[in-house]
């Protein structure tokens, strides 16, 4: 039984290169679906684990976490559809009570929940950009990550203001400004990680 991954082609994301399991007839066409389902669940779990890497920010109800980076990495590696489904699973399971939001939280009542909604849209965006080759060079990867982060803040900061009664300037000061340096570091990490993965695939 061969499990060799297919060669990379334009329009593919990294997850497309993973071999689908071989199933016996009449289920042999379902191998790709099994792979995709596993990727969706795995992406949600990765995001939940990364959310537990949490550091409080003085004066802000929003902590610094690994959640944003994981969500963007999942969207980029899995592509638009699978990335969106993975973050949707993460969000819905967390709302239903799975304690894998930041600091082991769950539910939709936290002021930071808007960032999770933003991650849904951002994962789809970076997945679409990845299908256009945005994760195959360092600078395009950085651009895709920064665009994804901008989408997360575009949803998360207004939600924070509405949830807490902050003014726009207060929400920006509490929910955007303290995270800019960390976001630049995350983009730099992705600049090295994703193009390197593609170079290894080409070998």
N, C-alpha and C. Protein backbone atom coordinates (compact mmCIF):
# COMPACT_ATOMS: atom_id res chain seq x y z
N UNK A 1 0.86 -1.20 0.00
CA UNK A 1 0.00 0.00 0.00
C UNK A 1 0.88 1.24 0.00
N UNK A 2 0.71 2.10 -0.96
CA UNK A 2 1.51 3.31 -1.06
C UNK A 2 0.88 4.45 -0.30
N UNK A 3 1.71 5.17 0.47
CA UNK A 3 1.23 6.35 1.20
C UNK A 3 2.01 7.58 0.80
N UNK A 4 2.67 7.53 -0.37
CA UNK A 4 3.47 8.66 -0.81
C UNK A 4 2.59 9.86 -1.07
N UNK A 5 3.09 11.02 -0.63
CA UNK A 5 2.35 12.25 -0.85
C UNK A 5 2.50 12.69 -2.29
N UNK A 6 1.49 13.31 -2.88
CA UNK A 6 1.60 13.81 -4.24
C UNK A 6 2.56 14.99 -4.32
N UNK A 7 3.13 15.20 -5.49
CA UNK A 7 4.02 16.34 -5.67
C UNK A 7 3.23 17.64 -5.57
N UNK A 8 3.90 18.68 -5.08
CA UNK A 8 3.25 19.97 -4.91
C UNK A 8 2.92 20.58 -6.26
N UNK A 9 1.75 21.18 -6.35
CA UNK A 9 1.30 21.84 -7.56
C UNK A 9 0.77 23.22 -7.21
N UNK A 10 0.71 24.15 -8.18
CA UNK A 10 0.11 25.46 -7.91
C UNK A 10 -1.33 25.29 -7.44
N UNK A 11 -1.74 26.13 -6.50
CA UNK A 11 -3.10 26.07 -5.99
C UNK A 11 -3.27 25.15 -4.80
N UNK A 12 -2.21 24.44 -4.42
CA UNK A 12 -2.29 23.55 -3.28
C UNK A 12 -1.83 24.24 -2.00
N UNK A 13 -2.30 23.72 -0.86
CA UNK A 13 -1.78 24.10 0.44
C UNK A 13 -1.07 22.88 1.01
N UNK A 14 -0.36 23.07 2.11
CA UNK A 14 0.45 21.99 2.66
C UNK A 14 -0.38 20.75 2.98
N UNK A 15 -1.60 20.94 3.49
CA UNK A 15 -2.42 19.79 3.86
C UNK A 15 -2.80 18.94 2.66
N UNK A 16 -2.84 19.51 1.46
CA UNK A 16 -3.18 18.74 0.27
C UNK A 16 -2.13 17.69 -0.05
N UNK A 17 -0.94 17.85 0.49
CA UNK A 17 0.15 16.94 0.19
C UNK A 17 0.16 15.72 1.10
N UNK A 18 -0.68 15.73 2.13
CA UNK A 18 -0.77 14.57 3.02
C UNK A 18 -1.54 13.45 2.33
N UNK A 19 -1.02 12.24 2.34
CA UNK A 19 -1.74 11.15 1.67
C UNK A 19 -3.02 10.79 2.40
N UNK A 20 -4.05 10.48 1.65
CA UNK A 20 -5.31 10.02 2.23
C UNK A 20 -5.21 8.53 2.53
N UNK A 21 -5.83 8.07 3.62
CA UNK A 21 -5.78 6.63 3.92
C UNK A 21 -6.49 5.81 2.86
N UNK A 22 -5.96 4.62 2.62
CA UNK A 22 -6.57 3.70 1.65
C UNK A 22 -7.66 2.90 2.35
N UNK A 23 -8.88 3.03 1.86
CA UNK A 23 -10.00 2.29 2.43
C UNK A 23 -10.45 1.22 1.45
N UNK A 24 -11.02 0.17 1.96
CA UNK A 24 -11.50 -0.92 1.11
C UNK A 24 -12.80 -0.52 0.44
N UNK A 25 -13.09 -1.13 -0.68
CA UNK A 25 -14.35 -0.88 -1.39
C UNK A 25 -15.51 -1.32 -0.48
N UNK A 26 -16.66 -0.61 -0.49
CA UNK A 26 -17.01 0.53 -1.34
C UNK A 26 -16.67 1.88 -0.72
N UNK A 27 -15.77 1.90 0.27
CA UNK A 27 -15.45 3.14 0.97
C UNK A 27 -14.17 3.78 0.45
N UNK A 28 -13.62 3.27 -0.64
CA UNK A 28 -12.31 3.73 -1.08
C UNK A 28 -12.29 5.21 -1.45
N UNK A 29 -13.44 5.77 -1.83
CA UNK A 29 -13.49 7.19 -2.19
C UNK A 29 -13.53 8.10 -0.95
N UNK A 30 -13.73 7.48 0.22
CA UNK A 30 -13.85 8.29 1.43
C UNK A 30 -12.55 8.58 2.14
N UNK A 31 -11.43 8.12 1.60
CA UNK A 31 -10.15 8.33 2.26
C UNK A 31 -9.81 9.80 2.44
N UNK A 32 -10.08 10.61 1.41
CA UNK A 32 -9.79 12.03 1.49
C UNK A 32 -10.67 12.71 2.54
N UNK A 33 -11.91 12.24 2.66
CA UNK A 33 -12.82 12.82 3.67
C UNK A 33 -12.33 12.49 5.08
N UNK A 34 -11.84 11.28 5.26
CA UNK A 34 -11.29 10.90 6.56
C UNK A 34 -10.10 11.78 6.91
N UNK A 35 -9.22 11.96 5.93
CA UNK A 35 -8.06 12.83 6.15
C UNK A 35 -8.49 14.25 6.49
N UNK A 36 -9.44 14.79 5.73
CA UNK A 36 -9.88 16.16 5.95
C UNK A 36 -10.53 16.32 7.32
N UNK A 37 -11.34 15.33 7.72
CA UNK A 37 -11.98 15.40 9.03
C UNK A 37 -10.93 15.39 10.14
N UNK A 38 -9.91 14.56 9.98
CA UNK A 38 -8.84 14.50 10.98
C UNK A 38 -8.09 15.83 11.03
N UNK A 39 -7.88 16.45 9.89
CA UNK A 39 -7.19 17.74 9.86
C UNK A 39 -8.02 18.83 10.54
N UNK A 40 -9.32 18.82 10.30
CA UNK A 40 -10.20 19.83 10.91
C UNK A 40 -10.17 19.69 12.44
N UNK A 41 -10.32 18.45 12.90
CA UNK A 41 -10.29 18.23 14.36
C UNK A 41 -8.92 18.56 14.92
N UNK A 42 -7.87 18.14 14.23
CA UNK A 42 -6.52 18.42 14.70
C UNK A 42 -6.23 19.91 14.78
N UNK A 43 -6.72 20.68 13.80
CA UNK A 43 -6.52 22.12 13.83
C UNK A 43 -7.22 22.78 15.00
N UNK A 44 -8.43 22.30 15.31
CA UNK A 44 -9.16 22.83 16.46
C UNK A 44 -8.43 22.52 17.76
N UNK A 45 -7.93 21.29 17.88
CA UNK A 45 -7.20 20.90 19.09
C UNK A 45 -5.92 21.71 19.23
N UNK A 46 -5.20 21.90 18.13
CA UNK A 46 -3.98 22.70 18.17
C UNK A 46 -4.26 24.12 18.65
N UNK A 47 -5.34 24.71 18.14
CA UNK A 47 -5.71 26.06 18.56
C UNK A 47 -6.07 26.09 20.04
N UNK A 48 -6.80 25.08 20.50
CA UNK A 48 -7.15 25.01 21.91
C UNK A 48 -5.94 24.86 22.81
N UNK A 49 -4.98 24.04 22.40
CA UNK A 49 -3.76 23.88 23.19
C UNK A 49 -2.95 25.18 23.21
N UNK A 50 -2.84 25.83 22.05
CA UNK A 50 -2.08 27.07 21.98
C UNK A 50 -2.71 28.17 22.82
N UNK A 51 -4.03 28.14 22.97
CA UNK A 51 -4.73 29.15 23.78
C UNK A 51 -4.34 29.06 25.25
N UNK A 52 -3.82 27.90 25.66
CA UNK A 52 -3.44 27.75 27.07
C UNK A 52 -2.08 28.38 27.35
N UNK A 53 -1.34 28.72 26.30
CA UNK A 53 -0.11 29.50 26.47
C UNK A 53 -0.52 30.95 26.61
N UNK A 54 -0.82 31.36 27.82
CA UNK A 54 -1.48 32.64 28.08
C UNK A 54 -0.70 33.47 29.08
N UNK A 55 -0.53 34.74 28.74
CA UNK A 55 0.15 35.69 29.63
C UNK A 55 -0.77 36.89 29.81
N UNK A 56 -1.16 37.23 31.06
CA UNK A 56 -2.05 38.38 31.25
C UNK A 56 -1.38 39.69 30.84
N UNK A 57 -2.20 40.61 30.37
CA UNK A 57 -1.74 41.95 30.01
C UNK A 57 -2.33 42.93 31.02
N UNK A 58 -1.49 43.63 31.78
CA UNK A 58 -2.02 44.57 32.78
C UNK A 58 -2.96 45.59 32.16
N UNK A 59 -4.13 45.76 32.76
CA UNK A 59 -5.10 46.73 32.29
C UNK A 59 -5.95 46.28 31.13
N UNK A 60 -5.79 45.01 30.70
CA UNK A 60 -6.57 44.51 29.56
C UNK A 60 -7.21 43.18 29.93
N UNK A 61 -8.47 42.97 29.54
CA UNK A 61 -9.10 41.66 29.76
C UNK A 61 -8.69 40.62 28.73
N UNK A 62 -7.84 41.01 27.80
CA UNK A 62 -7.40 40.11 26.73
C UNK A 62 -5.95 39.71 26.99
N UNK A 63 -5.66 38.42 27.19
CA UNK A 63 -4.28 38.00 27.41
C UNK A 63 -3.53 37.78 26.10
N UNK A 64 -2.22 37.75 26.21
CA UNK A 64 -1.39 37.30 25.09
C UNK A 64 -1.41 35.78 25.09
N UNK A 65 -1.74 35.18 23.97
CA UNK A 65 -1.78 33.72 23.88
C UNK A 65 -1.15 33.25 22.57
N UNK A 66 -0.97 31.94 22.47
CA UNK A 66 -0.53 31.35 21.21
C UNK A 66 -1.69 31.07 20.27
N UNK A 67 -2.89 31.41 20.69
CA UNK A 67 -4.11 31.09 19.96
C UNK A 67 -4.15 31.71 18.57
N UNK A 68 -3.81 32.98 18.49
CA UNK A 68 -3.87 33.68 17.20
C UNK A 68 -2.92 33.06 16.19
N UNK A 69 -1.70 32.80 16.63
CA UNK A 69 -0.71 32.21 15.73
C UNK A 69 -1.18 30.84 15.25
N UNK A 70 -1.71 30.03 16.18
CA UNK A 70 -2.19 28.70 15.80
C UNK A 70 -3.33 28.79 14.80
N UNK A 71 -4.26 29.72 15.02
CA UNK A 71 -5.40 29.86 14.12
C UNK A 71 -4.95 30.23 12.71
N UNK A 72 -4.00 31.15 12.61
CA UNK A 72 -3.50 31.55 11.30
C UNK A 72 -2.70 30.43 10.65
N UNK A 73 -1.94 29.71 11.45
CA UNK A 73 -1.17 28.58 10.92
C UNK A 73 -2.11 27.50 10.40
N UNK A 74 -3.18 27.23 11.14
CA UNK A 74 -4.16 26.23 10.71
C UNK A 74 -4.81 26.66 9.40
N UNK A 75 -5.24 27.92 9.31
CA UNK A 75 -5.86 28.39 8.09
C UNK A 75 -4.94 28.31 6.89
N UNK A 76 -3.68 28.69 7.09
CA UNK A 76 -2.71 28.67 6.00
C UNK A 76 -2.40 27.25 5.55
N UNK A 77 -2.19 26.35 6.49
CA UNK A 77 -1.81 24.98 6.15
C UNK A 77 -2.97 24.17 5.61
N UNK A 78 -4.18 24.42 6.10
CA UNK A 78 -5.32 23.60 5.71
C UNK A 78 -6.09 24.16 4.51
N UNK A 79 -5.97 25.46 4.25
CA UNK A 79 -6.74 26.06 3.17
C UNK A 79 -8.06 26.62 3.67
N UNK A 80 -8.75 27.33 2.81
CA UNK A 80 -9.93 28.09 3.20
C UNK A 80 -11.00 27.26 3.89
N UNK A 81 -11.49 26.21 3.22
CA UNK A 81 -12.61 25.45 3.76
C UNK A 81 -12.28 24.71 5.02
N UNK A 82 -11.20 23.93 5.00
CA UNK A 82 -10.83 23.16 6.18
C UNK A 82 -10.39 24.07 7.33
N UNK A 83 -9.71 25.16 7.00
CA UNK A 83 -9.29 26.09 8.05
C UNK A 83 -10.49 26.73 8.73
N UNK A 84 -11.46 27.18 7.94
CA UNK A 84 -12.66 27.78 8.51
C UNK A 84 -13.42 26.77 9.37
N UNK A 85 -13.58 25.55 8.87
CA UNK A 85 -14.29 24.52 9.63
C UNK A 85 -13.57 24.19 10.93
N UNK A 86 -12.25 24.18 10.88
CA UNK A 86 -11.48 23.88 12.07
C UNK A 86 -11.69 24.94 13.15
N UNK A 87 -11.65 26.21 12.76
CA UNK A 87 -11.87 27.29 13.73
C UNK A 87 -13.32 27.36 14.15
N UNK A 88 -14.24 27.00 13.24
CA UNK A 88 -15.65 26.94 13.63
C UNK A 88 -15.87 25.86 14.68
N UNK A 89 -15.23 24.70 14.50
CA UNK A 89 -15.33 23.63 15.50
C UNK A 89 -14.76 24.10 16.83
N UNK A 90 -13.63 24.76 16.77
CA UNK A 90 -13.02 25.29 18.00
C UNK A 90 -13.96 26.24 18.72
N UNK A 91 -14.55 27.18 17.97
CA UNK A 91 -15.44 28.17 18.57
C UNK A 91 -16.71 27.52 19.12
N UNK A 92 -17.34 26.66 18.33
CA UNK A 92 -18.61 26.05 18.75
C UNK A 92 -18.42 25.13 19.95
N UNK A 93 -17.34 24.35 19.94
CA UNK A 93 -17.08 23.46 21.07
C UNK A 93 -16.79 24.27 22.33
N UNK A 94 -16.07 25.38 22.18
CA UNK A 94 -15.80 26.23 23.33
C UNK A 94 -17.06 26.87 23.88
N UNK A 95 -17.93 27.32 23.00
CA UNK A 95 -19.22 27.89 23.44
C UNK A 95 -20.04 26.82 24.16
N UNK A 96 -19.94 25.58 23.68
CA UNK A 96 -20.71 24.49 24.27
C UNK A 96 -20.15 24.02 25.61
N UNK A 97 -18.96 24.50 25.96
CA UNK A 97 -18.42 24.17 27.27
C UNK A 97 -17.06 23.52 27.32
N UNK A 98 -16.47 23.20 26.17
CA UNK A 98 -15.11 22.64 26.18
C UNK A 98 -14.15 23.73 26.68
N UNK A 99 -13.38 23.47 27.73
CA UNK A 99 -12.56 24.53 28.34
C UNK A 99 -11.24 24.74 27.62
N UNK A 100 -11.31 25.18 26.36
CA UNK A 100 -10.07 25.35 25.63
C UNK A 100 -9.92 26.75 25.01
N UNK A 101 -10.71 27.71 25.51
CA UNK A 101 -10.38 29.09 25.23
C UNK A 101 -9.23 29.51 26.15
N UNK A 102 -8.78 30.74 26.05
CA UNK A 102 -7.64 31.20 26.84
C UNK A 102 -7.86 30.94 28.33
N UNK A 103 -6.82 30.46 28.99
CA UNK A 103 -6.86 30.18 30.44
C UNK A 103 -7.91 29.14 30.81
N UNK A 104 -8.20 28.21 29.91
CA UNK A 104 -9.17 27.17 30.20
C UNK A 104 -10.61 27.65 30.23
N UNK A 105 -10.88 28.78 29.59
CA UNK A 105 -12.23 29.33 29.57
C UNK A 105 -13.12 28.67 28.53
N UNK A 106 -14.40 28.96 28.62
CA UNK A 106 -15.38 28.48 27.65
C UNK A 106 -16.56 29.43 27.65
N UNK A 107 -17.48 29.22 26.71
CA UNK A 107 -18.65 30.09 26.62
C UNK A 107 -18.39 31.32 25.79
N UNK A 108 -19.48 32.05 25.49
CA UNK A 108 -19.39 33.22 24.63
C UNK A 108 -19.44 34.53 25.41
N UNK A 109 -19.31 34.46 26.74
CA UNK A 109 -19.49 35.67 27.53
C UNK A 109 -18.25 36.51 27.74
N UNK A 110 -17.08 35.99 27.39
CA UNK A 110 -15.84 36.74 27.65
C UNK A 110 -15.72 37.93 26.69
N UNK A 111 -15.17 39.04 27.16
CA UNK A 111 -14.97 40.19 26.26
C UNK A 111 -14.05 39.89 25.09
N UNK A 112 -13.23 38.85 25.22
CA UNK A 112 -12.29 38.50 24.16
C UNK A 112 -12.89 37.55 23.12
N UNK A 113 -14.17 37.20 23.25
CA UNK A 113 -14.77 36.25 22.31
C UNK A 113 -14.78 36.79 20.88
N UNK A 114 -14.81 38.10 20.73
CA UNK A 114 -14.78 38.68 19.39
C UNK A 114 -13.53 38.32 18.61
N UNK A 115 -12.42 38.12 19.33
CA UNK A 115 -11.19 37.72 18.65
C UNK A 115 -11.33 36.32 18.06
N UNK A 116 -12.06 35.45 18.75
CA UNK A 116 -12.29 34.10 18.23
C UNK A 116 -13.14 34.16 16.97
N UNK A 117 -14.15 35.03 16.97
CA UNK A 117 -14.95 35.21 15.75
C UNK A 117 -14.09 35.74 14.62
N UNK A 118 -13.20 36.65 14.95
CA UNK A 118 -12.28 37.18 13.93
C UNK A 118 -11.37 36.10 13.38
N UNK A 119 -10.99 35.15 14.22
CA UNK A 119 -10.13 34.06 13.76
C UNK A 119 -10.82 33.21 12.71
N UNK A 120 -12.14 33.06 12.82
CA UNK A 120 -12.88 32.31 11.80
C UNK A 120 -12.67 32.94 10.41
N UNK A 121 -12.86 34.25 10.34
CA UNK A 121 -12.70 34.94 9.07
C UNK A 121 -11.25 34.97 8.62
N UNK A 122 -10.35 35.17 9.58
CA UNK A 122 -8.93 35.26 9.24
C UNK A 122 -8.41 33.92 8.71
N UNK A 123 -8.88 32.81 9.28
CA UNK A 123 -8.42 31.51 8.80
C UNK A 123 -8.83 31.29 7.35
N UNK A 124 -10.03 31.72 7.00
CA UNK A 124 -10.48 31.61 5.61
C UNK A 124 -9.66 32.49 4.68
N UNK A 125 -9.34 33.70 5.15
CA UNK A 125 -8.56 34.62 4.32
C UNK A 125 -7.16 34.09 4.06
N UNK A 126 -6.45 33.70 5.11
CA UNK A 126 -5.07 33.24 4.90
C UNK A 126 -5.05 31.93 4.13
N UNK A 127 -6.11 31.11 4.30
CA UNK A 127 -6.20 29.89 3.51
C UNK A 127 -6.34 30.18 2.03
N UNK A 128 -7.15 31.19 1.70
CA UNK A 128 -7.30 31.58 0.30
C UNK A 128 -6.00 32.14 -0.26
N UNK A 129 -5.31 32.93 0.55
CA UNK A 129 -4.02 33.48 0.11
C UNK A 129 -2.98 32.38 -0.08
N UNK A 130 -3.01 31.38 0.81
CA UNK A 130 -2.07 30.27 0.68
C UNK A 130 -2.28 29.51 -0.62
N UNK A 131 -3.53 29.37 -1.04
CA UNK A 131 -3.80 28.68 -2.31
C UNK A 131 -3.25 29.47 -3.50
N UNK A 132 -2.97 30.72 -3.27
CA UNK A 132 -2.35 31.55 -4.31
C UNK A 132 -0.84 31.68 -4.11
N UNK A 133 -0.30 30.84 -3.25
CA UNK A 133 1.15 30.79 -3.07
C UNK A 133 1.71 31.73 -2.03
N UNK A 134 0.86 32.31 -1.19
CA UNK A 134 1.33 33.31 -0.25
C UNK A 134 2.21 32.75 0.86
N UNK A 135 2.19 31.43 1.05
CA UNK A 135 3.00 30.83 2.11
C UNK A 135 4.28 30.20 1.59
N UNK A 136 4.63 30.48 0.34
CA UNK A 136 5.80 29.83 -0.26
C UNK A 136 7.03 30.72 -0.29
N UNK A 137 6.90 31.96 0.13
CA UNK A 137 8.07 32.84 0.28
C UNK A 137 7.93 33.62 1.58
N UNK A 138 9.06 34.05 2.12
CA UNK A 138 9.07 34.67 3.44
C UNK A 138 8.23 35.94 3.49
N UNK A 139 8.39 36.83 2.53
CA UNK A 139 7.72 38.13 2.62
C UNK A 139 6.23 38.02 2.34
N UNK A 140 5.86 37.13 1.42
CA UNK A 140 4.43 36.94 1.18
C UNK A 140 3.75 36.25 2.37
N UNK A 141 4.49 35.38 3.03
CA UNK A 141 3.96 34.76 4.25
C UNK A 141 3.72 35.82 5.31
N UNK A 142 4.68 36.71 5.49
CA UNK A 142 4.52 37.78 6.48
C UNK A 142 3.31 38.64 6.15
N UNK A 143 3.15 38.97 4.87
CA UNK A 143 2.00 39.77 4.48
C UNK A 143 0.68 39.08 4.76
N UNK A 144 0.61 37.78 4.47
CA UNK A 144 -0.63 37.03 4.73
C UNK A 144 -0.93 36.99 6.22
N UNK A 145 0.10 36.77 7.06
CA UNK A 145 -0.11 36.73 8.50
C UNK A 145 -0.60 38.08 9.03
N UNK A 146 -0.01 39.15 8.55
CA UNK A 146 -0.40 40.48 9.02
C UNK A 146 -1.83 40.83 8.58
N UNK A 147 -2.20 40.42 7.37
CA UNK A 147 -3.59 40.63 6.94
C UNK A 147 -4.56 39.83 7.80
N UNK A 148 -4.19 38.60 8.11
CA UNK A 148 -5.03 37.78 8.98
C UNK A 148 -5.18 38.40 10.36
N UNK A 149 -4.09 38.90 10.92
CA UNK A 149 -4.15 39.54 12.23
C UNK A 149 -5.02 40.80 12.19
N UNK A 150 -4.93 41.53 11.07
CA UNK A 150 -5.76 42.74 10.94
C UNK A 150 -7.25 42.39 10.97
N UNK A 151 -7.62 41.28 10.33
CA UNK A 151 -9.02 40.85 10.34
C UNK A 151 -9.44 40.48 11.77
N UNK A 152 -8.58 39.79 12.49
CA UNK A 152 -8.90 39.41 13.87
C UNK A 152 -9.16 40.65 14.72
N UNK A 153 -8.32 41.65 14.60
CA UNK A 153 -8.50 42.88 15.38
C UNK A 153 -9.72 43.67 14.91
N UNK A 154 -10.01 43.62 13.60
CA UNK A 154 -11.15 44.36 13.08
C UNK A 154 -12.46 43.86 13.68
N UNK A 155 -12.50 42.59 14.09
CA UNK A 155 -13.68 42.04 14.76
C UNK A 155 -13.51 42.12 16.28
N UNK A 156 -12.34 41.76 16.76
CA UNK A 156 -12.13 41.64 18.20
C UNK A 156 -12.17 42.94 18.96
N UNK A 157 -11.60 44.00 18.42
CA UNK A 157 -11.55 45.27 19.15
C UNK A 157 -12.94 45.91 19.28
N UNK A 158 -13.74 46.02 18.22
CA UNK A 158 -15.11 46.53 18.40
C UNK A 158 -15.94 45.67 19.34
N UNK A 159 -15.78 44.35 19.27
CA UNK A 159 -16.51 43.46 20.19
C UNK A 159 -16.10 43.75 21.63
N UNK A 160 -14.81 43.95 21.84
CA UNK A 160 -14.31 44.28 23.18
C UNK A 160 -14.94 45.57 23.69
N UNK A 161 -15.01 46.57 22.82
CA UNK A 161 -15.62 47.85 23.23
C UNK A 161 -17.08 47.67 23.59
N UNK A 162 -17.82 46.92 22.78
CA UNK A 162 -19.25 46.71 23.07
C UNK A 162 -19.46 45.89 24.33
N UNK A 163 -18.61 44.89 24.54
CA UNK A 163 -18.78 43.99 25.69
C UNK A 163 -18.42 44.65 27.01
N UNK A 164 -17.52 45.62 26.97
CA UNK A 164 -17.04 46.23 28.21
C UNK A 164 -17.50 47.67 28.42
N UNK A 165 -18.07 48.28 27.39
CA UNK A 165 -18.44 49.68 27.49
C UNK A 165 -17.28 50.63 27.30
N UNK A 166 -16.16 50.13 26.81
CA UNK A 166 -15.01 51.00 26.55
C UNK A 166 -15.29 51.91 25.36
N UNK A 167 -14.61 53.05 25.35
CA UNK A 167 -14.62 53.87 24.15
C UNK A 167 -13.71 53.22 23.11
N UNK A 168 -13.79 53.72 21.89
CA UNK A 168 -12.96 53.16 20.83
C UNK A 168 -11.48 53.28 21.17
N UNK A 169 -11.07 54.42 21.67
CA UNK A 169 -9.65 54.61 22.00
C UNK A 169 -9.23 53.70 23.14
N UNK A 170 -10.09 53.50 24.12
CA UNK A 170 -9.77 52.59 25.23
C UNK A 170 -9.65 51.16 24.74
N UNK A 171 -10.55 50.75 23.85
CA UNK A 171 -10.51 49.39 23.33
C UNK A 171 -9.25 49.16 22.51
N UNK A 172 -8.83 50.16 21.75
CA UNK A 172 -7.60 50.04 20.97
C UNK A 172 -6.40 49.93 21.91
N UNK A 173 -6.40 50.75 22.96
CA UNK A 173 -5.29 50.73 23.91
C UNK A 173 -5.22 49.41 24.68
N UNK A 174 -6.38 48.80 24.96
CA UNK A 174 -6.41 47.56 25.74
C UNK A 174 -6.37 46.31 24.88
N UNK A 175 -6.89 46.41 23.65
CA UNK A 175 -7.07 45.21 22.84
C UNK A 175 -6.28 45.15 21.56
N UNK A 176 -5.46 46.16 21.29
CA UNK A 176 -4.66 46.16 20.07
C UNK A 176 -3.20 46.52 20.34
N UNK A 177 -2.99 47.69 20.90
CA UNK A 177 -1.63 48.22 21.06
C UNK A 177 -0.69 47.27 21.80
N UNK A 178 -1.11 46.63 22.91
CA UNK A 178 -0.16 45.78 23.64
C UNK A 178 0.29 44.53 22.88
N UNK A 179 -0.39 44.22 21.78
CA UNK A 179 -0.12 42.97 21.09
C UNK A 179 0.67 43.13 19.80
N UNK A 180 0.99 44.36 19.43
CA UNK A 180 1.60 44.59 18.13
C UNK A 180 3.00 43.97 18.02
N UNK A 181 3.80 44.10 19.07
CA UNK A 181 5.14 43.52 19.02
C UNK A 181 5.07 42.00 18.92
N UNK A 182 4.20 41.40 19.72
CA UNK A 182 4.03 39.95 19.65
C UNK A 182 3.56 39.50 18.29
N UNK A 183 2.67 40.26 17.65
CA UNK A 183 2.19 39.88 16.33
C UNK A 183 3.30 39.96 15.29
N UNK A 184 4.19 40.94 15.44
CA UNK A 184 5.32 41.03 14.53
C UNK A 184 6.23 39.82 14.69
N UNK A 185 6.42 39.37 15.92
CA UNK A 185 7.24 38.18 16.16
C UNK A 185 6.59 36.92 15.59
N UNK A 186 5.25 36.82 15.70
CA UNK A 186 4.54 35.68 15.14
C UNK A 186 4.67 35.65 13.62
N UNK A 187 4.57 36.83 13.00
CA UNK A 187 4.73 36.90 11.55
C UNK A 187 6.13 36.48 11.15
N UNK A 188 7.13 36.90 11.94
CA UNK A 188 8.52 36.53 11.64
C UNK A 188 8.70 35.02 11.77
N UNK A 189 8.08 34.42 12.78
CA UNK A 189 8.18 32.97 12.95
C UNK A 189 7.56 32.25 11.76
N UNK A 190 6.40 32.72 11.32
CA UNK A 190 5.74 32.11 10.16
C UNK A 190 6.58 32.28 8.90
N UNK A 191 7.29 33.41 8.78
CA UNK A 191 8.15 33.67 7.63
C UNK A 191 9.20 32.56 7.48
N UNK A 192 9.67 32.04 8.61
CA UNK A 192 10.65 30.97 8.54
C UNK A 192 10.01 29.60 8.44
N UNK A 193 8.92 29.39 9.13
CA UNK A 193 8.33 28.05 9.26
C UNK A 193 7.69 27.57 7.97
N UNK A 194 6.78 28.36 7.41
CA UNK A 194 5.99 27.89 6.27
C UNK A 194 6.81 27.75 4.98
N UNK A 195 7.60 28.76 4.58
CA UNK A 195 8.43 28.56 3.37
C UNK A 195 9.41 27.41 3.53
N UNK A 196 9.93 27.20 4.76
CA UNK A 196 10.83 26.07 4.98
C UNK A 196 10.12 24.75 4.75
N UNK A 197 8.87 24.66 5.21
CA UNK A 197 8.09 23.44 4.98
C UNK A 197 7.94 23.17 3.49
N UNK A 198 7.69 24.20 2.70
CA UNK A 198 7.56 24.01 1.26
C UNK A 198 8.89 23.59 0.62
N UNK A 199 9.98 24.14 1.10
CA UNK A 199 11.28 23.74 0.54
C UNK A 199 11.55 22.27 0.84
N UNK A 200 11.18 21.81 2.03
CA UNK A 200 11.37 20.41 2.35
C UNK A 200 10.49 19.51 1.48
N UNK A 201 9.27 19.98 1.20
CA UNK A 201 8.37 19.21 0.34
C UNK A 201 8.96 19.06 -1.06
N UNK A 202 9.54 20.12 -1.57
CA UNK A 202 10.09 20.08 -2.94
C UNK A 202 11.29 19.13 -3.06
N UNK A 203 11.95 18.88 -1.93
CA UNK A 203 13.06 17.95 -1.96
C UNK A 203 12.59 16.50 -2.04
